[in-house]
Amino acid sequence: MKDVIYDEFQNKVDEVLIRHANLLDILSKMGDAASKTNRAVVKSITNCGCVELNVAKVDIPEDLSYEALKEFKSEHLQGKPCPACREKIEDELGKLEFYIAALCNTLDINLYDVILKEYKNISTLGRYSLY
């Protein structure tokens, strides 16, 4: 069922994208959407304050096993985006997804296949995928 949703979304993007339908426009709009997504997240921290960012260097012992590495993961975010910030972030993420689908259409790539392939990669490699 999920593949149908992705396919329908990709088809709808192909149907409605008219003004910025060439590859260069799509790439620049995708970059713009990514920047605006980043900015929306930053503003939730700096302007609204609904999310707090507390980061510091984490000292990891040299002889630490790979399995124990996750224990040193920093929980650096406190709070959750308020409804207004969440809506803005979701809007910007939606635009980013739109241009990702547009890029897939332009290059004749199926978005669901891309997601499925990446899912298989991270499922197969697990923590060794090093994301």
N, C-alpha and C. Protein backbone atom coordinates (compact mmCIF):
# COMPACT_ATOMS: atom_id res chain seq x y z
N MET A 1 0.82 -1.20 0.00
CA MET A 1 0.00 0.00 0.00
C MET A 1 0.86 1.26 0.00
N LYS A 2 1.96 1.22 0.77
CA LYS A 2 2.81 2.41 0.85
C LYS A 2 3.43 2.75 -0.50
N ASP A 3 3.74 1.72 -1.31
CA ASP A 3 4.30 2.01 -2.62
C ASP A 3 3.30 2.75 -3.48
N VAL A 4 2.01 2.47 -3.28
CA VAL A 4 0.96 3.18 -4.03
C VAL A 4 0.94 4.65 -3.64
N ILE A 5 1.10 4.93 -2.36
CA ILE A 5 1.10 6.32 -1.89
C ILE A 5 2.28 7.08 -2.49
N TYR A 6 3.46 6.47 -2.48
CA TYR A 6 4.62 7.12 -3.07
C TYR A 6 4.45 7.30 -4.57
N ASP A 7 3.94 6.29 -5.23
CA ASP A 7 3.71 6.39 -6.68
C ASP A 7 2.69 7.47 -7.00
N GLU A 8 1.61 7.53 -6.21
CA GLU A 8 0.59 8.57 -6.44
C GLU A 8 1.17 9.95 -6.20
N PHE A 9 1.97 10.10 -5.16
CA PHE A 9 2.61 11.38 -4.88
C PHE A 9 3.53 11.77 -6.04
N GLN A 10 4.35 10.83 -6.48
CA GLN A 10 5.27 11.11 -7.58
C GLN A 10 4.51 11.46 -8.85
N ASN A 11 3.43 10.76 -9.12
CA ASN A 11 2.61 11.08 -10.30
C ASN A 11 1.96 12.45 -10.19
N LYS A 12 1.49 12.81 -9.00
CA LYS A 12 0.87 14.12 -8.80
C LYS A 12 1.90 15.23 -8.98
N VAL A 13 3.12 15.03 -8.49
CA VAL A 13 4.18 16.02 -8.69
C VAL A 13 4.42 16.21 -10.17
N ASP A 14 4.48 15.12 -10.92
CA ASP A 14 4.69 15.21 -12.36
C ASP A 14 3.56 15.97 -13.04
N GLU A 15 2.36 15.81 -12.53
CA GLU A 15 1.18 16.47 -13.11
C GLU A 15 1.18 17.97 -12.86
N VAL A 16 1.61 18.39 -11.66
CA VAL A 16 1.46 19.80 -11.31
C VAL A 16 2.70 20.65 -11.54
N LEU A 17 3.87 20.03 -11.68
CA LEU A 17 5.09 20.81 -11.87
C LEU A 17 5.17 21.31 -13.31
N ILE A 18 5.08 22.62 -13.46
CA ILE A 18 5.11 23.21 -14.80
C ILE A 18 6.21 24.26 -14.89
N ARG A 19 6.22 25.22 -13.96
CA ARG A 19 7.14 26.36 -14.05
C ARG A 19 8.61 25.98 -13.89
N HIS A 20 8.91 25.10 -12.98
CA HIS A 20 10.31 24.77 -12.66
C HIS A 20 10.59 23.31 -13.02
N ALA A 21 10.29 22.95 -14.26
CA ALA A 21 10.33 21.54 -14.65
C ALA A 21 11.65 21.12 -15.27
N ASN A 22 12.61 22.03 -15.43
CA ASN A 22 13.88 21.57 -15.99
C ASN A 22 14.83 21.18 -14.86
N LEU A 23 15.82 20.39 -15.17
CA LEU A 23 16.71 19.82 -14.17
C LEU A 23 17.38 20.88 -13.30
N LEU A 24 17.88 21.94 -13.90
CA LEU A 24 18.57 22.97 -13.11
C LEU A 24 17.62 23.67 -12.14
N ASP A 25 16.41 23.97 -12.59
CA ASP A 25 15.43 24.58 -11.69
C ASP A 25 15.09 23.63 -10.54
N ILE A 26 14.90 22.37 -10.87
CA ILE A 26 14.56 21.39 -9.83
C ILE A 26 15.68 21.29 -8.80
N LEU A 27 16.92 21.21 -9.26
CA LEU A 27 18.05 21.12 -8.33
C LEU A 27 18.16 22.36 -7.45
N SER A 28 17.98 23.55 -8.04
CA SER A 28 18.09 24.77 -7.24
C SER A 28 16.91 24.90 -6.28
N LYS A 29 15.71 24.50 -6.71
CA LYS A 29 14.54 24.56 -5.82
C LYS A 29 14.68 23.53 -4.69
N MET A 30 15.27 22.39 -4.97
CA MET A 30 15.48 21.37 -3.95
C MET A 30 16.48 21.88 -2.90
N GLY A 31 17.54 22.54 -3.37
CA GLY A 31 18.50 23.14 -2.44
C GLY A 31 17.87 24.22 -1.60
N ASP A 32 17.03 25.04 -2.22
CA ASP A 32 16.31 26.09 -1.51
C ASP A 32 15.39 25.50 -0.46
N ALA A 33 14.68 24.44 -0.81
CA ALA A 33 13.76 23.79 0.13
C ALA A 33 14.54 23.19 1.30
N ALA A 34 15.71 22.61 1.03
CA ALA A 34 16.53 22.06 2.12
C ALA A 34 17.01 23.18 3.05
N SER A 35 17.41 24.30 2.47
CA SER A 35 17.85 25.44 3.29
C SER A 35 16.72 25.99 4.15
N LYS A 36 15.52 26.07 3.57
CA LYS A 36 14.38 26.58 4.34
C LYS A 36 13.96 25.60 5.43
N THR A 37 14.13 24.31 5.19
CA THR A 37 13.87 23.32 6.23
C THR A 37 14.85 23.52 7.38
N ASN A 38 16.13 23.66 7.04
CA ASN A 38 17.14 23.91 8.07
C ASN A 38 16.81 25.17 8.86
N ARG A 39 16.42 26.21 8.15
CA ARG A 39 16.11 27.49 8.80
C ARG A 39 14.91 27.37 9.74
N ALA A 40 13.90 26.61 9.34
CA ALA A 40 12.72 26.43 10.19
C ALA A 40 13.10 25.72 11.49
N VAL A 41 13.98 24.73 11.41
CA VAL A 41 14.43 24.03 12.61
C VAL A 41 15.25 24.97 13.49
N VAL A 42 16.16 25.73 12.87
CA VAL A 42 16.98 26.67 13.63
C VAL A 42 16.11 27.71 14.33
N LYS A 43 15.09 28.21 13.65
CA LYS A 43 14.21 29.22 14.26
C LYS A 43 13.41 28.66 15.42
N SER A 44 13.11 27.36 15.39
CA SER A 44 12.40 26.77 16.54
C SER A 44 13.29 26.81 17.78
N ILE A 45 14.60 26.84 17.57
CA ILE A 45 15.54 26.93 18.68
C ILE A 45 15.82 28.38 19.04
N THR A 46 16.13 29.19 18.04
CA THR A 46 16.62 30.55 18.32
C THR A 46 15.52 31.59 18.52
N ASN A 47 14.42 31.49 17.79
CA ASN A 47 13.36 32.50 17.91
C ASN A 47 12.27 32.07 18.89
N CYS A 48 11.76 30.86 18.70
CA CYS A 48 10.65 30.39 19.51
C CYS A 48 11.13 29.85 20.85
N GLY A 49 12.15 29.02 20.80
CA GLY A 49 12.67 28.42 22.04
C GLY A 49 11.94 27.15 22.46
N CYS A 50 11.04 26.65 21.61
CA CYS A 50 10.32 25.43 21.97
C CYS A 50 11.25 24.21 21.97
N VAL A 51 12.37 24.32 21.27
CA VAL A 51 13.39 23.28 21.25
C VAL A 51 14.68 23.91 21.74
N GLU A 52 15.39 23.19 22.60
CA GLU A 52 16.68 23.65 23.09
C GLU A 52 17.76 22.72 22.58
N LEU A 53 18.89 23.31 22.26
CA LEU A 53 20.03 22.56 21.76
C LEU A 53 21.17 22.71 22.75
N ASN A 54 21.61 21.61 23.31
CA ASN A 54 22.71 21.61 24.27
C ASN A 54 23.74 20.59 23.81
N VAL A 55 24.83 21.07 23.28
CA VAL A 55 25.85 20.16 22.75
C VAL A 55 27.19 20.42 23.43
N ALA A 56 27.92 19.36 23.56
CA ALA A 56 29.27 19.44 24.10
C ALA A 56 30.05 18.26 23.53
N LYS A 57 31.34 18.39 23.56
CA LYS A 57 32.19 17.31 23.07
C LYS A 57 31.98 16.08 23.95
N VAL A 58 31.85 14.94 23.31
CA VAL A 58 31.71 13.68 24.03
C VAL A 58 33.06 12.97 23.99
N ASP A 59 33.59 12.70 25.15
CA ASP A 59 34.86 11.97 25.21
C ASP A 59 34.57 10.48 25.11
N ILE A 60 35.09 9.87 24.06
CA ILE A 60 34.87 8.45 23.83
C ILE A 60 36.19 7.73 24.07
N PRO A 61 36.18 6.74 24.97
CA PRO A 61 37.41 5.99 25.23
C PRO A 61 37.94 5.32 23.96
N GLU A 62 39.25 5.30 23.81
CA GLU A 62 39.85 4.73 22.60
C GLU A 62 39.60 3.24 22.47
N ASP A 63 39.50 2.52 23.57
CA ASP A 63 39.35 1.07 23.52
C ASP A 63 37.89 0.62 23.54
N LEU A 64 36.99 1.55 23.28
CA LEU A 64 35.56 1.25 23.32
C LEU A 64 35.15 0.35 22.15
N SER A 65 34.35 -0.66 22.42
CA SER A 65 33.88 -1.53 21.34
C SER A 65 32.80 -0.81 20.54
N TYR A 66 32.64 -1.26 19.31
CA TYR A 66 31.63 -0.65 18.44
C TYR A 66 30.24 -0.79 19.03
N GLU A 67 29.96 -1.93 19.66
CA GLU A 67 28.64 -2.17 20.25
C GLU A 67 28.34 -1.19 21.38
N ALA A 68 29.36 -0.79 22.12
CA ALA A 68 29.16 0.12 23.25
C ALA A 68 29.13 1.58 22.82
N LEU A 69 29.46 1.86 21.57
CA LEU A 69 29.53 3.23 21.08
C LEU A 69 28.20 3.97 21.21
N LYS A 70 27.10 3.27 21.01
CA LYS A 70 25.78 3.91 21.06
C LYS A 70 25.48 4.49 22.44
N GLU A 71 26.08 3.92 23.48
CA GLU A 71 25.89 4.43 24.83
C GLU A 71 26.44 5.85 24.99
N PHE A 72 27.32 6.25 24.11
CA PHE A 72 27.91 7.57 24.18
C PHE A 72 27.19 8.58 23.28
N LYS A 73 26.06 8.17 22.75
CA LYS A 73 25.27 9.07 21.91
C LYS A 73 24.76 10.23 22.76
N SER A 74 24.94 11.41 22.26
CA SER A 74 24.54 12.61 22.98
C SER A 74 23.06 12.91 22.78
N GLU A 75 22.34 13.06 23.86
CA GLU A 75 20.95 13.51 23.80
C GLU A 75 20.98 15.03 23.90
N HIS A 76 21.12 15.68 22.78
CA HIS A 76 21.40 17.11 22.76
C HIS A 76 20.16 17.98 22.57
N LEU A 77 19.02 17.38 22.23
CA LEU A 77 17.80 18.16 22.04
C LEU A 77 16.87 17.99 23.24
N GLN A 78 16.33 19.10 23.70
CA GLN A 78 15.30 19.07 24.73
C GLN A 78 14.07 19.78 24.18
N GLY A 79 12.93 19.22 24.46
CA GLY A 79 11.68 19.80 24.00
C GLY A 79 11.28 19.28 22.64
N LYS A 80 10.14 19.71 22.20
CA LYS A 80 9.60 19.34 20.90
C LYS A 80 9.08 20.61 20.23
N PRO A 81 9.07 20.63 18.91
CA PRO A 81 8.54 21.83 18.24
C PRO A 81 7.09 22.10 18.66
N CYS A 82 6.81 23.36 18.93
CA CYS A 82 5.44 23.77 19.25
C CYS A 82 4.60 23.59 17.98
N PRO A 83 3.28 23.67 18.09
CA PRO A 83 2.45 23.49 16.89
C PRO A 83 2.81 24.41 15.72
N ALA A 84 3.13 25.67 16.00
CA ALA A 84 3.47 26.60 14.91
C ALA A 84 4.79 26.21 14.25
N CYS A 85 5.80 25.88 15.05
CA CYS A 85 7.09 25.48 14.49
C CYS A 85 6.97 24.15 13.77
N ARG A 86 6.23 23.23 14.35
CA ARG A 86 6.04 21.93 13.72
C ARG A 86 5.38 22.08 12.34
N GLU A 87 4.37 22.93 12.26
CA GLU A 87 3.69 23.15 10.99
C GLU A 87 4.65 23.73 9.95
N LYS A 88 5.48 24.69 10.36
CA LYS A 88 6.44 25.29 9.44
C LYS A 88 7.47 24.26 8.96
N ILE A 89 7.98 23.47 9.88
CA ILE A 89 8.97 22.44 9.52
C ILE A 89 8.34 21.42 8.58
N GLU A 90 7.12 21.00 8.89
CA GLU A 90 6.43 20.04 8.02
C GLU A 90 6.18 20.63 6.63
N ASP A 91 5.80 21.89 6.56
CA ASP A 91 5.60 22.55 5.26
C ASP A 91 6.87 22.54 4.43
N GLU A 92 7.97 22.88 5.08
CA GLU A 92 9.25 22.93 4.36
C GLU A 92 9.70 21.52 3.96
N LEU A 93 9.50 20.55 4.83
CA LEU A 93 9.82 19.17 4.46
C LEU A 93 8.97 18.69 3.29
N GLY A 94 7.71 19.11 3.26
CA GLY A 94 6.84 18.75 2.15
C GLY A 94 7.34 19.30 0.83
N LYS A 95 7.81 20.55 0.84
CA LYS A 95 8.36 21.15 -0.38
C LYS A 95 9.63 20.41 -0.81
N LEU A 96 10.44 20.03 0.16
CA LEU A 96 11.65 19.28 -0.15
C LEU A 96 11.29 17.93 -0.78
N GLU A 97 10.32 17.24 -0.21
CA GLU A 97 9.85 15.97 -0.78
C GLU A 97 9.31 16.17 -2.20
N PHE A 98 8.61 17.27 -2.41
CA PHE A 98 8.07 17.57 -3.74
C PHE A 98 9.19 17.63 -4.77
N TYR A 99 10.26 18.37 -4.45
CA TYR A 99 11.35 18.52 -5.42
C TYR A 99 12.20 17.25 -5.53
N ILE A 100 12.26 16.45 -4.48
CA ILE A 100 12.92 15.15 -4.60
C ILE A 100 12.14 14.28 -5.58
N ALA A 101 10.81 14.28 -5.47
CA ALA A 101 9.98 13.52 -6.40
C ALA A 101 10.12 14.07 -7.82
N ALA A 102 10.22 15.40 -7.95
CA ALA A 102 10.39 16.01 -9.27
C ALA A 102 11.71 15.59 -9.89
N LEU A 103 12.76 15.54 -9.08
CA LEU A 103 14.06 15.09 -9.58
C LEU A 103 13.98 13.63 -10.03
N CYS A 104 13.32 12.82 -9.23
CA CYS A 104 13.13 11.41 -9.62
C CYS A 104 12.39 11.31 -10.95
N ASN A 105 11.34 12.10 -11.12
CA ASN A 105 10.59 12.09 -12.37
C ASN A 105 11.48 12.48 -13.55
N THR A 106 12.25 13.53 -13.37
CA THR A 106 13.10 14.02 -14.45
C THR A 106 14.13 12.98 -14.88
N LEU A 107 14.63 12.24 -13.90
CA LEU A 107 15.67 11.24 -14.18
C LEU A 107 15.09 9.84 -14.38
N ASP A 108 13.76 9.73 -14.43
CA ASP A 108 13.06 8.46 -14.62
C ASP A 108 13.46 7.44 -13.54
N ILE A 109 13.39 7.89 -12.29
CA ILE A 109 13.70 7.06 -11.13
C ILE A 109 12.44 6.98 -10.28
N ASN A 110 12.12 5.79 -9.81
CA ASN A 110 10.95 5.60 -8.96
C ASN A 110 11.32 5.90 -7.51
N LEU A 111 10.65 6.86 -6.91
CA LEU A 111 10.94 7.29 -5.54
C LEU A 111 10.79 6.15 -4.55
N TYR A 112 9.76 5.35 -4.69
CA TYR A 112 9.57 4.23 -3.78
C TYR A 112 10.72 3.24 -3.88
N ASP A 113 11.20 3.01 -5.09
CA ASP A 113 12.33 2.10 -5.27
C ASP A 113 13.58 2.63 -4.58
N VAL A 114 13.77 3.94 -4.62
CA VAL A 114 14.91 4.56 -3.94
C VAL A 114 14.81 4.33 -2.43
N ILE A 115 13.62 4.57 -1.88
CA ILE A 115 13.43 4.39 -0.44
C ILE A 115 13.57 2.93 -0.06
N LEU A 116 13.01 2.04 -0.87
CA LEU A 116 13.10 0.61 -0.61
C LEU A 116 14.55 0.14 -0.65
N LYS A 117 15.31 0.62 -1.61
CA LYS A 117 16.72 0.25 -1.73
C LYS A 117 17.50 0.72 -0.51
N GLU A 118 17.25 1.95 -0.08
CA GLU A 118 17.95 2.47 1.09
C GLU A 118 17.53 1.72 2.35
N TYR A 119 16.26 1.38 2.45
CA TYR A 119 15.78 0.59 3.59
C TYR A 119 16.49 -0.76 3.64
N LYS A 120 16.61 -1.41 2.49
CA LYS A 120 17.31 -2.70 2.43
C LYS A 120 18.77 -2.54 2.82
N ASN A 121 19.41 -1.46 2.37
CA ASN A 121 20.81 -1.22 2.72
C ASN A 121 20.98 -1.06 4.23
N ILE A 122 20.16 -0.23 4.84
CA ILE A 122 20.33 -0.02 6.29
C ILE A 122 19.87 -1.22 7.09
N SER A 123 18.93 -1.98 6.56
CA SER A 123 18.50 -3.20 7.24
C SER A 123 19.58 -4.27 7.17
N THR A 124 20.22 -4.37 6.03
CA THR A 124 21.28 -5.36 5.85
C THR A 124 22.52 -4.98 6.64
N LEU A 125 22.94 -3.73 6.51
CA LEU A 125 24.17 -3.29 7.18
C LEU A 125 23.95 -2.94 8.64
N GLY A 126 22.70 -2.61 9.00
CA GLY A 126 22.40 -2.25 10.38
C GLY A 126 23.27 -1.12 10.86
N ARG A 127 23.79 -1.27 12.03
CA ARG A 127 24.62 -0.21 12.61
C ARG A 127 25.92 -0.02 11.87
N TYR A 128 26.30 -0.99 11.04
CA TYR A 128 27.54 -0.87 10.28
C TYR A 128 27.40 0.03 9.05
N SER A 129 26.18 0.53 8.80
CA SER A 129 26.01 1.48 7.71
C SER A 129 26.63 2.82 8.05
N LEU A 130 26.89 3.05 9.33
CA LEU A 130 27.59 4.24 9.83
C LEU A 130 26.93 5.56 9.50
N TYR A 131 25.62 5.59 9.51
CA TYR A 131 24.92 6.87 9.36
C TYR A 131 24.92 7.60 10.66
